[in-house]
C-alpha atoms as a PDB file:
ATOM      1  CA  UNK A   1     105.414 108.062  31.975  1.00  0.00           C
ATOM      2  CA  UNK A   2     106.741 104.483  31.899  1.00  0.00           C
ATOM      3  CA  UNK A   3     106.001 101.572  29.608  1.00  0.00           C
ATOM      4  CA  UNK A   4     103.185  99.428  31.029  1.00  0.00           C
ATOM      5  CA  UNK A   5     101.989  96.304  29.271  1.00  0.00           C
ATOM      6  CA  UNK A   6      98.423  94.728  27.342  1.00  0.00           C
ATOM      7  CA  UNK A   7      90.245  97.749  16.523  1.00  0.00           C
ATOM      8  CA  UNK A   8      89.393 101.422  16.736  1.00  0.00           C
ATOM      9  CA  UNK A   9      85.644 102.167  16.855  1.00  0.00           C
ATOM     10  CA  UNK A  10      85.398 105.765  18.049  1.00  0.00           C
ATOM     11  CA  UNK A  11      82.052 107.371  17.397  1.00  0.00           C
ATOM     12  CA  UNK A  12      82.179 110.643  15.435  1.00  0.00           C
ATOM     13  CA  UNK A  13      82.329 113.547  17.855  1.00  0.00           C
ATOM     14  CA  UNK A  14      79.143 115.242  16.736  1.00  0.00           C
ATOM     15  CA  UNK A  15      77.159 112.006  16.878  1.00  0.00           C
ATOM     16  CA  UNK A  16      78.505 111.240  20.360  1.00  0.00           C
ATOM     17  CA  UNK A  17      77.507 114.655  21.580  1.00  0.00           C
ATOM     18  CA  UNK A  18      73.947 114.289  20.319  1.00  0.00           C
ATOM     19  CA  UNK A  19      73.493 110.746  21.631  1.00  0.00           C
ATOM     20  CA  UNK A  20      75.012 111.532  25.024  1.00  0.00           C
ATOM     21  CA  UNK A  21      72.938 114.676  25.463  1.00  0.00           C
ATOM     22  CA  UNK A  22      69.780 112.675  24.794  1.00  0.00           C
ATOM     23  CA  UNK A  23      70.907 109.942  27.217  1.00  0.00           C
ATOM     24  CA  UNK A  24      71.569 112.458  29.964  1.00  0.00           C
ATOM     25  CA  UNK A  25      68.209 114.119  29.485  1.00  0.00           C
ATOM     26  CA  UNK A  26      66.373 110.793  29.499  1.00  0.00           C
ATOM     27  CA  UNK A  27      68.087 109.825  32.763  1.00  0.00           C
ATOM     28  CA  UNK A  28      67.104 113.147  34.270  1.00  0.00           C
ATOM     29  CA  UNK A  29      63.541 112.625  33.077  1.00  0.00           C
ATOM     30  CA  UNK A  30      63.397 109.277  34.890  1.00  0.00           C
ATOM     31  CA  UNK A  31      64.097 111.014  38.204  1.00  0.00           C
ATOM     32  CA  UNK A  32      61.582 113.829  37.878  1.00  0.00           C
ATOM     33  CA  UNK A  33      58.401 114.010  40.003  1.00  0.00           C
ATOM     34  CA  UNK A  34      55.375 112.459  38.338  1.00  0.00           C
ATOM     35  CA  UNK A  35      53.889 115.922  37.858  1.00  0.00           C
ATOM     36  CA  UNK A  36      56.848 116.947  35.642  1.00  0.00           C
ATOM     37  CA  UNK A  37      56.283 116.405  31.928  1.00  0.00           C
ATOM     38  CA  UNK A  38      58.852 116.661  29.158  1.00  0.00           C
ATOM     39  CA  UNK A  39      58.900 116.782  25.365  1.00  0.00           C
ATOM     40  CA  UNK A  40      61.638 116.388  22.748  1.00  0.00           C
ATOM     41  CA  UNK A  41      62.329 119.614  20.854  1.00  0.00           C
ATOM     42  CA  UNK A  42      64.954 119.223  18.170  1.00  0.00           C
ATOM     43  CA  UNK A  43      67.939 117.564  19.865  1.00  0.00           C
ATOM     44  CA  UNK A  44      66.996 118.322  23.479  1.00  0.00           C
ATOM     45  CA  UNK A  45      64.410 117.216  26.015  1.00  0.00           C
ATOM     46  CA  UNK A  46      62.684 120.282  27.456  1.00  0.00           C
ATOM     47  CA  UNK A  47      59.954 120.769  30.082  1.00  0.00           C
ATOM     48  CA  UNK A  48      56.516 120.780  28.536  1.00  0.00           C
ATOM     49  CA  UNK A  49      54.504 123.975  28.691  1.00  0.00           C
ATOM     50  CA  UNK A  50      52.979 124.580  32.120  1.00  0.00           C
ATOM     51  CA  UNK A  51      55.287 122.184  33.979  1.00  0.00           C
ATOM     52  CA  UNK A  52      57.874 123.086  36.610  1.00  0.00           C
ATOM     53  CA  UNK A  53      61.314 123.859  35.172  1.00  0.00           C
ATOM     54  CA  UNK A  54      64.437 122.183  36.568  1.00  0.00           C
ATOM     55  CA  UNK A  55      67.307 124.577  35.757  1.00  0.00           C
ATOM     56  CA  UNK A  56      69.840 121.730  35.593  1.00  0.00           C
ATOM     57  CA  UNK A  57      68.013 120.209  32.632  1.00  0.00           C
ATOM     58  CA  UNK A  58      67.761 123.329  30.490  1.00  0.00           C
ATOM     59  CA  UNK A  59      70.346 123.481  27.676  1.00  0.00           C
ATOM     60  CA  UNK A  60      73.159 125.960  28.296  1.00  0.00           C
ATOM     61  CA  UNK A  61      73.432 128.459  25.399  1.00  0.00           C
ATOM     62  CA  UNK A  62      77.176 128.922  25.908  1.00  0.00           C
ATOM     63  CA  UNK A  63      77.872 125.184  25.860  1.00  0.00           C
ATOM     64  CA  UNK A  64      75.665 124.863  22.794  1.00  0.00           C
ATOM     65  CA  UNK A  65      77.715 127.597  21.132  1.00  0.00           C
ATOM     66  CA  UNK A  66      80.975 125.829  22.090  1.00  0.00           C
ATOM     67  CA  UNK A  67      79.710 122.589  20.621  1.00  0.00           C
ATOM     68  CA  UNK A  68      78.788 124.406  17.424  1.00  0.00           C
ATOM     69  CA  UNK A  69      82.313 125.794  17.147  1.00  0.00           C
ATOM     70  CA  UNK A  70      83.731 122.287  17.592  1.00  0.00           C
ATOM     71  CA  UNK A  71      81.497 120.903  14.870  1.00  0.00           C
ATOM     72  CA  UNK A  72      82.760 123.647  12.549  1.00  0.00           C
ATOM     73  CA  UNK A  73      86.386 122.756  13.330  1.00  0.00           C
ATOM     74  CA  UNK A  74      87.155 125.876  15.347  1.00  0.00           C
ATOM     75  CA  UNK A  75      88.834 124.116  18.235  1.00  0.00           C
ATOM     76  CA  UNK A  76      90.920 126.985  19.578  1.00  0.00           C
ATOM     77  CA  UNK A  77      87.957 129.358  19.720  1.00  0.00           C
ATOM     78  CA  UNK A  78      85.856 126.639  21.343  1.00  0.00           C
ATOM     79  CA  UNK A  79      88.491 125.993  24.015  1.00  0.00           C
ATOM     80  CA  UNK A  80      88.806 129.674  24.919  1.00  0.00           C
ATOM     81  CA  UNK A  81      85.063 129.870  25.500  1.00  0.00           C
ATOM     82  CA  UNK A  82      85.072 126.563  27.376  1.00  0.00           C
ATOM     83  CA  UNK A  83      87.756 127.807  29.795  1.00  0.00           C
ATOM     84  CA  UNK A  84      85.798 130.984  30.511  1.00  0.00           C
ATOM     85  CA  UNK A  85      82.637 128.951  31.089  1.00  0.00           C
ATOM     86  CA  UNK A  86      84.401 126.435  33.378  1.00  0.00           C
ATOM     87  CA  UNK A  87      85.969 129.204  35.454  1.00  0.00           C
ATOM     88  CA  UNK A  88      82.619 130.854  35.952  1.00  0.00           C
ATOM     89  CA  UNK A  89      80.496 127.735  36.518  1.00  0.00           C
ATOM     90  CA  UNK A  90      82.333 125.610  39.062  1.00  0.00           C
ATOM     91  CA  UNK A  91      79.078 124.363  40.610  1.00  0.00           C
ATOM     92  CA  UNK A  92      77.053 123.945  37.450  1.00  0.00           C
ATOM     93  CA  UNK A  93      75.232 120.617  36.962  1.00  0.00           C
ATOM     94  CA  UNK A  94      76.464 120.817  33.345  1.00  0.00           C
ATOM     95  CA  UNK A  95      80.132 121.037  34.302  1.00  0.00           C
ATOM     96  CA  UNK A  96      80.805 117.491  33.066  1.00  0.00           C
ATOM     97  CA  UNK A  97      79.588 118.547  29.644  1.00  0.00           C
ATOM     98  CA  UNK A  98      81.807 121.623  29.811  1.00  0.00           C
ATOM     99  CA  UNK A  99      84.862 119.488  30.591  1.00  0.00           C
ATOM    100  CA  UNK A 100      84.037 117.094  27.770  1.00  0.00           C
ATOM    101  CA  UNK A 101      83.639 119.928  25.278  1.00  0.00           C
ATOM    102  CA  UNK A 102      86.946 121.416  26.439  1.00  0.00           C
ATOM    103  CA  UNK A 103      88.605 118.041  25.823  1.00  0.00           C
ATOM    104  CA  UNK A 104      87.063 117.765  22.365  1.00  0.00           C
ATOM    105  CA  UNK A 105      88.100 121.302  21.434  1.00  0.00           C
ATOM    106  CA  UNK A 106      91.686 120.570  22.472  1.00  0.00           C
ATOM    107  CA  UNK A 107      91.633 117.334  20.512  1.00  0.00           C
ATOM    108  CA  UNK A 108      90.630 118.925  17.220  1.00  0.00           C
ATOM    109  CA  UNK A 109      93.091 121.794  17.727  1.00  0.00           C
ATOM    110  CA  UNK A 110      95.975 119.326  18.159  1.00  0.00           C
ATOM    111  CA  UNK A 111      96.673 119.530  21.904  1.00  0.00           C
ATOM    112  CA  UNK A 112      95.805 115.910  22.551  1.00  0.00           C
ATOM    113  CA  UNK A 113      97.798 115.348  25.721  1.00  0.00           C
ATOM    114  CA  UNK A 114      95.966 118.208  27.414  1.00  0.00           C
ATOM    115  CA  UNK A 115      92.714 116.831  25.995  1.00  0.00           C
ATOM    116  CA  UNK A 116      93.484 113.508  27.675  1.00  0.00           C
ATOM    117  CA  UNK A 117      93.841 115.178  31.065  1.00  0.00           C
ATOM    118  CA  UNK A 118      90.613 117.122  30.701  1.00  0.00           C
ATOM    119  CA  UNK A 119      88.925 113.754  30.149  1.00  0.00           C
ATOM    120  CA  UNK A 120      90.676 112.506  33.286  1.00  0.00           C
ATOM    121  CA  UNK A 121      89.287 115.417  35.302  1.00  0.00           C
ATOM    122  CA  UNK A 122      85.800 114.714  34.023  1.00  0.00           C
ATOM    123  CA  UNK A 123      85.989 111.051  35.022  1.00  0.00           C
ATOM    124  CA  UNK A 124      87.573 111.813  38.404  1.00  0.00           C
ATOM    125  CA  UNK A 125      84.819 114.238  39.381  1.00  0.00           C
ATOM    126  CA  UNK A 126      81.769 112.782  37.615  1.00  0.00           C
ATOM    127  CA  UNK A 127      81.936 108.995  37.743  1.00  0.00           C
ATOM    128  CA  UNK A 128      78.219 108.671  36.943  1.00  0.00           C
ATOM    129  CA  UNK A 129      78.257 111.170  34.087  1.00  0.00           C
ATOM    130  CA  UNK A 130      76.777 110.291  30.724  1.00  0.00           C
ATOM    131  CA  UNK A 131      80.002 111.723  29.303  1.00  0.00           C
ATOM    132  CA  UNK A 132      82.188 109.189  31.130  1.00  0.00           C
ATOM    133  CA  UNK A 133      82.190 106.627  28.310  1.00  0.00           C
ATOM    134  CA  UNK A 134      82.624 109.177  25.493  1.00  0.00           C
ATOM    135  CA  UNK A 135      85.581 110.601  27.423  1.00  0.00           C
ATOM    136  CA  UNK A 136      87.139 107.131  27.632  1.00  0.00           C
ATOM    137  CA  UNK A 137      86.585 106.677  23.902  1.00  0.00           C
ATOM    138  CA  UNK A 138      88.299 109.992  23.239  1.00  0.00           C
ATOM    139  CA  UNK A 139      91.244 108.940  25.397  1.00  0.00           C
ATOM    140  CA  UNK A 140      91.509 105.694  23.438  1.00  0.00           C
ATOM    141  CA  UNK A 141      91.513 107.636  20.180  1.00  0.00           C
ATOM    142  CA  UNK A 142      94.319 109.855  21.486  1.00  0.00           C
ATOM    143  CA  UNK A 143      96.456 106.876  22.547  1.00  0.00           C
ATOM    144  CA  UNK A 144      95.773 105.008  19.317  1.00  0.00           C
ATOM    145  CA  UNK A 145      96.867 108.010  17.282  1.00  0.00           C
ATOM    146  CA  UNK A 146     100.194 108.264  19.099  1.00  0.00           C
ATOM    147  CA  UNK A 147     100.829 104.526  18.693  1.00  0.00           C
ATOM    148  CA  UNK A 148     100.067 104.932  15.007  1.00  0.00           C
ATOM    149  CA  UNK A 149     102.997 107.307  14.625  1.00  0.00           C
ATOM    150  CA  UNK A 150     101.392 110.642  15.354  1.00  0.00           C
ATOM    151  CA  UNK A 151     103.819 113.096  16.969  1.00  0.00           C
ATOM    152  CA  UNK A 152     103.223 115.552  19.785  1.00  0.00           C
ATOM    153  CA  UNK A 153     103.186 119.054  18.326  1.00  0.00           C
ATOM    154  CA  UNK A 154     105.130 121.958  19.786  1.00  0.00           C
ATOM    155  CA  UNK A 155     104.436 125.340  18.180  1.00  0.00           C
ATOM    156  CA  UNK A 156     102.673 123.478  15.414  1.00  0.00           C
ATOM    157  CA  UNK A 157     105.655 121.250  14.618  1.00  0.00           C
ATOM    158  CA  UNK A 158     105.567 117.436  15.047  1.00  0.00           C
ATOM    159  CA  UNK A 159     108.335 116.629  17.528  1.00  0.00           C
ATOM    160  CA  UNK A 160     108.224 114.072  20.325  1.00  0.00           C
ATOM    161  CA  UNK A 161     107.329 110.425  19.956  1.00  0.00           C
ATOM    162  CA  UNK A 162     104.608 109.758  22.533  1.00  0.00           C
ATOM    163  CA  UNK A 163     104.305 105.991  22.102  1.00  0.00           C
ATOM    164  CA  UNK A 164     105.446 105.154  25.641  1.00  0.00           C
ATOM    165  CA  UNK A 165     102.971 107.619  27.085  1.00  0.00           C
ATOM    166  CA  UNK A 166     100.264 106.185  24.830  1.00  0.00           C
ATOM    167  CA  UNK A 167     100.845 102.718  26.300  1.00  0.00           C
ATOM    168  CA  UNK A 168     100.273 104.137  29.775  1.00  0.00           C
ATOM    169  CA  UNK A 169      97.153 105.917  28.523  1.00  0.00           C
ATOM    170  CA  UNK A 170      95.797 102.565  27.352  1.00  0.00           C
ATOM    171  CA  UNK A 171      96.644 101.027  30.708  1.00  0.00           C
ATOM    172  CA  UNK A 172      94.750 103.775  32.526  1.00  0.00           C
ATOM    173  CA  UNK A 173      91.736 103.142  30.310  1.00  0.00           C
ATOM    174  CA  UNK A 174      91.812  99.504  31.412  1.00  0.00           C
ATOM    175  CA  UNK A 175      92.003 100.538  35.059  1.00  0.00           C
ATOM    176  CA  UNK A 176      89.066 102.928  34.717  1.00  0.00           C
ATOM    177  CA  UNK A 177      86.848 100.451  32.898  1.00  0.00           C
ATOM    178  CA  UNK A 178      87.960  96.905  33.823  1.00  0.00           C
ATOM    179  CA  UNK A 179      86.338  94.098  31.871  1.00  0.00           C
ATOM    180  CA  UNK A 180      84.685  96.446  29.385  1.00  0.00           C
ATOM    181  CA  UNK A 181      84.914  96.214  25.607  1.00  0.00           C
ATOM    182  CA  UNK A 182      87.033  99.358  25.609  1.00  0.00           C
ATOM    183  CA  UNK A 183      89.451  97.864  28.146  1.00  0.00           C
ATOM    184  CA  UNK A 184      89.676  94.757  25.960  1.00  0.00           C
ATOM    185  CA  UNK A 185      90.502  96.890  22.918  1.00  0.00           C
ATOM    186  CA  UNK A 186      93.090  98.843  24.898  1.00  0.00           C
ATOM    187  CA  UNK A 187      94.925  95.714  26.046  1.00  0.00           C
ATOM    188  CA  UNK A 188      94.926  94.194  22.573  1.00  0.00           C
ATOM    189  CA  UNK A 189      96.108  97.472  21.035  1.00  0.00           C
ATOM    190  CA  UNK A 190      99.051  97.487  23.451  1.00  0.00           C
ATOM    191  CA  UNK A 191      99.963  93.895  22.580  1.00  0.00           C
ATOM    192  CA  UNK A 192      99.730  94.539  18.841  1.00  0.00           C
ATOM    193  CA  UNK A 193     101.901  97.637  19.196  1.00  0.00           C
ATOM    194  CA  UNK A 194     104.635  95.709  21.014  1.00  0.00           C
ATOM    195  CA  UNK A 195     104.470  92.995  18.360  1.00  0.00           C
ATOM    196  CA  UNK A 196     104.738  95.509  15.515  1.00  0.00           C
ATOM    197  CA  UNK A 197     107.845  96.996  17.162  1.00  0.00           C
ATOM    198  CA  UNK A 198     109.445  93.546  17.664  1.00  0.00           C
ATOM    199  CA  UNK A 199     109.264  93.887  21.454  1.00  0.00           C
ATOM    200  CA  UNK A 200     108.355  90.222  21.612  1.00  0.00           C
ATOM    201  CA  UNK A 201     108.843  89.732  25.332  1.00  0.00           C
ATOM    202  CA  UNK A 202     106.350  92.501  26.127  1.00  0.00           C
ATOM    203  CA  UNK A 203     104.054  91.359  23.315  1.00  0.00           C
ATOM    204  CA  UNK A 204     104.026  87.807  24.670  1.00  0.00           C
ATOM    205  CA  UNK A 205     103.171  89.048  28.162  1.00  0.00           C
ATOM    206  CA  UNK A 206     100.409  91.328  26.852  1.00  0.00           C
ATOM    207  CA  UNK A 207      98.868  88.609  24.674  1.00  0.00           C
ATOM    208  CA  UNK A 208      99.007  86.202  27.614  1.00  0.00           C
ATOM    209  CA  UNK A 209      97.191  88.770  29.779  1.00  0.00           C
ATOM    210  CA  UNK A 210      94.548  89.149  27.078  1.00  0.00           C
ATOM    211  CA  UNK A 211      94.030  85.382  26.828  1.00  0.00           C
ATOM    212  CA  UNK A 212      93.587  85.154  30.605  1.00  0.00           C
ATOM    213  CA  UNK A 213      91.205  88.107  30.771  1.00  0.00           C
ATOM    214  CA  UNK A 214      89.105  87.513  27.620  1.00  0.00           C
ATOM    215  CA  UNK A 215      89.148  83.775  26.871  1.00  0.00           C
ATOM    216  CA  UNK A 216      85.788  83.965  25.068  1.00  0.00           C
ATOM    217  CA  UNK A 217      86.859  86.588  22.559  1.00  0.00           C
ATOM    218  CA  UNK A 218      85.908  85.615  18.976  1.00  0.00           C
ATOM    219  CA  UNK A 219      89.517  86.434  18.015  1.00  0.00           C
ATOM    220  CA  UNK A 220      91.102  84.305  20.726  1.00  0.00           C
ATOM    221  CA  UNK A 221      92.592  81.731  18.321  1.00  0.00           C
ATOM    222  CA  UNK A 222      94.441  84.349  16.282  1.00  0.00           C
ATOM    223  CA  UNK A 223      95.595  86.111  19.428  1.00  0.00           C
ATOM    224  CA  UNK A 224      96.958  82.886  20.891  1.00  0.00           C
ATOM    225  CA  UNK A 225      98.789  82.311  17.610  1.00  0.00           C
ATOM    226  CA  UNK A 226     100.350  85.770  17.917  1.00  0.00           C
ATOM    227  CA  UNK A 227     101.309  84.849  21.467  1.00  0.00           C
ATOM    228  CA  UNK A 228     103.048  81.690  20.223  1.00  0.00           C
ATOM    229  CA  UNK A 229     104.932  83.628  17.553  1.00  0.00           C
ATOM    230  CA  UNK A 230     105.996  86.147  20.185  1.00  0.00           C
ATOM    231  CA  UNK A 231     107.492  83.324  22.246  1.00  0.00           C
ATOM    232  CA  UNK A 232     109.159  81.786  19.205  1.00  0.00           C
ATOM    233  CA  UNK A 233     110.732  85.110  18.204  1.00  0.00           C
ATOM    234  CA  UNK A 234     112.439  85.343  21.608  1.00  0.00           C
ATOM    235  CA  UNK A 235     114.474  82.152  21.043  1.00  0.00           C
ATOM    236  CA  UNK A 236     118.021  83.152  20.161  1.00  0.00           C
ATOM    237  CA  UNK A 237     119.420  79.792  19.091  1.00  0.00           C
ATOM    238  CA  UNK A 238     120.618  76.381  20.371  1.00  0.00           C
ATOM    239  CA  UNK A 239     123.283  77.938  22.604  1.00  0.00           C
ATOM    240  CA  UNK A 240     120.735  79.960  24.571  1.00  0.00           C
ATOM    241  CA  UNK A 241     117.813  79.369  26.922  1.00  0.00           C
ATOM    242  CA  UNK A 242     115.189  77.120  25.311  1.00  0.00           C
ATOM    243  CA  UNK A 243     112.251  78.288  27.460  1.00  0.00           C
ATOM    244  CA  UNK A 244     110.737  80.551  24.762  1.00  0.00           C
ATOM    245  CA  UNK A 245     110.707  77.872  22.093  1.00  0.00           C
ATOM    246  CA  UNK A 246     109.326  75.280  24.515  1.00  0.00           C
ATOM    247  CA  UNK A 247     106.522  77.698  25.441  1.00  0.00           C
ATOM    248  CA  UNK A 248     105.848  78.314  21.747  1.00  0.00           C
ATOM    249  CA  UNK A 249     105.573  74.596  21.053  1.00  0.00           C
ATOM    250  CA  UNK A 250     103.170  74.105  23.958  1.00  0.00           C
ATOM    251  CA  UNK A 251     100.957  76.899  22.676  1.00  0.00           C
ATOM    252  CA  UNK A 252     101.029  75.661  19.084  1.00  0.00           C
ATOM    253  CA  UNK A 253     100.314  72.067  20.056  1.00  0.00           C
ATOM    254  CA  UNK A 254      97.233  73.183  21.959  1.00  0.00           C
ATOM    255  CA  UNK A 255      96.109  75.342  19.027  1.00  0.00           C
ATOM    256  CA  UNK A 256      96.421  72.383  16.656  1.00  0.00           C
ATOM    257  CA  UNK A 257      94.200  70.297  18.923  1.00  0.00           C
ATOM    258  CA  UNK A 258      91.654  73.052  19.558  1.00  0.00           C
ATOM    259  CA  UNK A 259      91.509  74.806  16.176  1.00  0.00           C
ATOM    260  CA  UNK A 260      92.324  72.256  13.434  1.00  0.00           C
ATOM    261  CA  UNK A 261      91.159  74.551  10.635  1.00  0.00           C
ATOM    262  CA  UNK A 262      93.463  77.337  11.767  1.00  0.00           C
ATOM    263  CA  UNK A 263      96.283  74.820  12.177  1.00  0.00           C
ATOM    264  CA  UNK A 264      95.859  73.653   8.594  1.00  0.00           C
ATOM    265  CA  UNK A 265      95.582  77.191   7.268  1.00  0.00           C
ATOM    266  CA  UNK A 266      98.795  78.281   9.022  1.00  0.00           C
ATOM    267  CA  UNK A 267     100.702  74.977   8.565  1.00  0.00           C
ATOM    268  CA  UNK A 268     101.210  74.729  12.307  1.00  0.00           C
ATOM    269  CA  UNK A 269     102.057  71.027  12.138  1.00  0.00           C
ATOM    270  CA  UNK A 270     105.120  71.778  10.014  1.00  0.00           C
ATOM    271  CA  UNK A 271     106.072  74.591  12.343  1.00  0.00           C
ATOM    272  CA  UNK A 272     105.955  72.248  15.347  1.00  0.00           C
ATOM    273  CA  UNK A 273     108.157  69.776  13.452  1.00  0.00           C
ATOM    274  CA  UNK A 274     110.725  72.521  12.861  1.00  0.00           C
ATOM    275  CA  UNK A 275     110.538  73.458  16.539  1.00  0.00           C
ATOM    276  CA  UNK A 276     111.177  69.838  17.513  1.00  0.00           C
ATOM    277  CA  UNK A 277     114.226  69.815  15.267  1.00  0.00           C
ATOM    278  CA  UNK A 278     115.483  73.039  16.861  1.00  0.00           C
ATOM    279  CA  UNK A 279     115.005  71.630  20.353  1.00  0.00           C
ATOM    280  CA  UNK A 280     116.874  68.497  19.287  1.00  0.00           C
ATOM    281  CA  UNK A 281     119.731  70.718  18.092  1.00  0.00           C
ATOM    282  CA  UNK A 282     119.704  72.303  21.515  1.00  0.00           C
ATOM    283  CA  UNK A 283     120.203  68.862  23.099  1.00  0.00           C
ATOM    284  CA  UNK A 284     123.066  68.083  20.694  1.00  0.00           C
ATOM    285  CA  UNK A 285     124.769  71.412  21.401  1.00  0.00           C
ATOM    286  CA  UNK A 286     124.580  70.952  25.167  1.00  0.00           C
ATOM    287  CA  UNK A 287     125.672  67.312  24.996  1.00  0.00           C
ATOM    288  CA  UNK A 288     128.670  68.326  22.877  1.00  0.00           C
ATOM    289  CA  UNK A 289     129.642  70.813  25.564  1.00  0.00           C
ATOM    290  CA  UNK A 290     129.549  68.113  28.243  1.00  0.00           C
ATOM    291  CA  UNK A 291     131.756  65.889  26.092  1.00  0.00           C
ATOM    292  CA  UNK A 292     134.319  68.679  25.772  1.00  0.00           C
ATOM    293  CA  UNK A 293     134.452  69.206  29.541  1.00  0.00           C
ATOM    294  CA  UNK A 294     134.762  65.438  30.060  1.00  0.00           C
ATOM    295  CA  UNK A 295     131.384  64.741  31.591  1.00  0.00           C
ATOM    296  CA  UNK A 296     130.328  61.724  29.513  1.00  0.00           C
ATOM    297  CA  UNK A 297     127.440  60.716  31.767  1.00  0.00           C
ATOM    298  CA  UNK A 298     125.752  64.102  31.297  1.00  0.00           C
ATOM    299  CA  UNK A 299     126.350  63.909  27.527  1.00  0.00           C
ATOM    300  CA  UNK A 300     124.899  60.382  27.364  1.00  0.00           C
ATOM    301  CA  UNK A 301     121.942  61.528  29.419  1.00  0.00           C
ATOM    302  CA  UNK A 302     121.142  64.261  26.865  1.00  0.00           C
ATOM    303  CA  UNK A 303     121.642  62.025  23.829  1.00  0.00           C
ATOM    304  CA  UNK A 304     119.266  59.517  25.389  1.00  0.00           C
ATOM    305  CA  UNK A 305     116.726  62.278  26.129  1.00  0.00           C
ATOM    306  CA  UNK A 306     116.854  63.371  22.499  1.00  0.00           C
ATOM    307  CA  UNK A 307     116.261  59.834  21.277  1.00  0.00           C
ATOM    308  CA  UNK A 308     113.293  59.350  23.579  1.00  0.00           C
ATOM    309  CA  UNK A 309     111.651  62.731  23.061  1.00  0.00           C
ATOM    310  CA  UNK A 310     112.518  63.647  19.466  1.00  0.00           C
ATOM    311  CA  UNK A 311     113.084  60.349  17.678  1.00  0.00           C
ATOM    312  CA  UNK A 312     111.404  61.606  14.480  1.00  0.00           C
ATOM    313  CA  UNK A 313     113.858  64.461  13.961  1.00  0.00           C
ATOM    314  CA  UNK A 314     116.935  64.278  11.705  1.00  0.00           C
ATOM    315  CA  UNK A 315     119.060  65.018  14.767  1.00  0.00           C
ATOM    316  CA  UNK A 316     118.077  61.697  16.343  1.00  0.00           C
ATOM    317  CA  UNK A 317     120.466  59.755  14.096  1.00  0.00           C
ATOM    318  CA  UNK A 318     123.345  62.036  15.115  1.00  0.00           C
ATOM    319  CA  UNK A 319     122.478  61.509  18.776  1.00  0.00           C
ATOM    320  CA  UNK A 320     122.457  57.727  18.282  1.00  0.00           C
ATOM    321  CA  UNK A 321     125.891  57.822  16.639  1.00  0.00           C
ATOM    322  CA  UNK A 322     127.386  60.054  19.329  1.00  0.00           C
ATOM    323  CA  UNK A 323     125.903  57.942  22.103  1.00  0.00           C
ATOM    324  CA  UNK A 324     127.618  54.833  20.703  1.00  0.00           C
ATOM    325  CA  UNK A 325     130.983  56.615  20.897  1.00  0.00           C
ATOM    326  CA  UNK A 326     130.666  57.177  24.646  1.00  0.00           C
ATOM    327  CA  UNK A 327     131.957  54.655  27.215  1.00  0.00           C
ATOM    328  CA  UNK A 328     129.513  51.894  28.104  1.00  0.00           C
ATOM    329  CA  UNK A 329     129.536  52.852  31.765  1.00  0.00           C
ATOM    330  CA  UNK A 330     128.434  56.404  30.866  1.00  0.00           C
ATOM    331  CA  UNK A 331     125.555  55.046  28.804  1.00  0.00           C
ATOM    332  CA  UNK A 332     124.499  52.691  31.569  1.00  0.00           C
ATOM    333  CA  UNK A 333     124.639  55.495  34.144  1.00  0.00           C
ATOM    334  CA  UNK A 334     122.470  57.718  31.906  1.00  0.00           C
ATOM    335  CA  UNK A 335     119.853  55.000  31.527  1.00  0.00           C
ATOM    336  CA  UNK A 336     119.818  54.468  35.284  1.00  0.00           C
ATOM    337  CA  UNK A 337     118.725  58.057  35.970  1.00  0.00           C
ATOM    338  CA  UNK A 338     115.043  58.229  36.972  1.00  0.00           C
ATOM    339  CA  UNK A 339     114.039  61.077  34.672  1.00  0.00           C
ATOM    340  CA  UNK A 340     115.361  62.722  31.547  1.00  0.00           C
ATOM    341  CA  UNK A 341     115.738  66.484  31.271  1.00  0.00           C
ATOM    342  CA  UNK A 342     113.422  68.779  29.342  1.00  0.00           C
ATOM    343  CA  UNK A 343     114.766  71.160  26.740  1.00  0.00           C
ATOM    344  CA  UNK A 344     114.016  74.154  28.950  1.00  0.00           C
ATOM    345  CA  UNK A 345     116.435  72.802  31.554  1.00  0.00           C
ATOM    346  CA  UNK A 346     119.352  72.935  29.115  1.00  0.00           C
END
């Protein structure tokens, strides 16, 4: 699998199973004829005495047994029984439950990649299943575990790093459930992972995608700040492309205007001042290059741009001194140009 860029709240497996089973039964109840009556017995809805029985709504003893094994931590035994049941019940109306239980049994026994694909099969075949969302949650939990440093096990030994595959798992969750809370969590988890690994270019892209997709998130200010830091971390110095630092300044300036409390808490004003000084150094470095290659008009043009755009920086005085050392005709030619360059153009 390849690397594809953009808060874990997974419900406990036993609780999910109970809640989902009730949900499925209630939905089935809503579609029964008016003459059909139901009553809740323990954890399951069952036909009331004297009413017609719909076989698809009666609890399956084998699946109940498999679920019991899972709850007792016997994943391997549960999976063996689940495989036998699935092979013998290809047309069962409870097959989605069987697939979900197989996925859960694999998960607790440590075969999480295979568990992921059982969830995929469930969602491919049963898009309206009550187990669709729990399967997505389980897939998220699998991906989150691998991004957290969990290794794929071979013969019981932790071996391969599955972080790249986990990123694709999170992407597939977003594709299956676009715009959902789970898709939002998946995109943010991807961005945070890239940031934690210092992959700032991918982190910046993922945070930007999150900001575009979920602008009303209660965490949007902090996420935009992470985005700005990701841009800033990509700047390699005055001799290199200034686009990342210019993007960072734009983001920070907007944050200061929109979230003054956050700006004060994080000292963003001082950070912007340091960025301005760095951009001014970029102008000085480029202007010095033009002086060395005997292009005084270009050098004067950059010194003048620094003075107009970054007059409050310490570098402005250096620019003023260097500009005075250039021929008058070069200074006049620079002033005659209609526009001055931005830092990102240098």
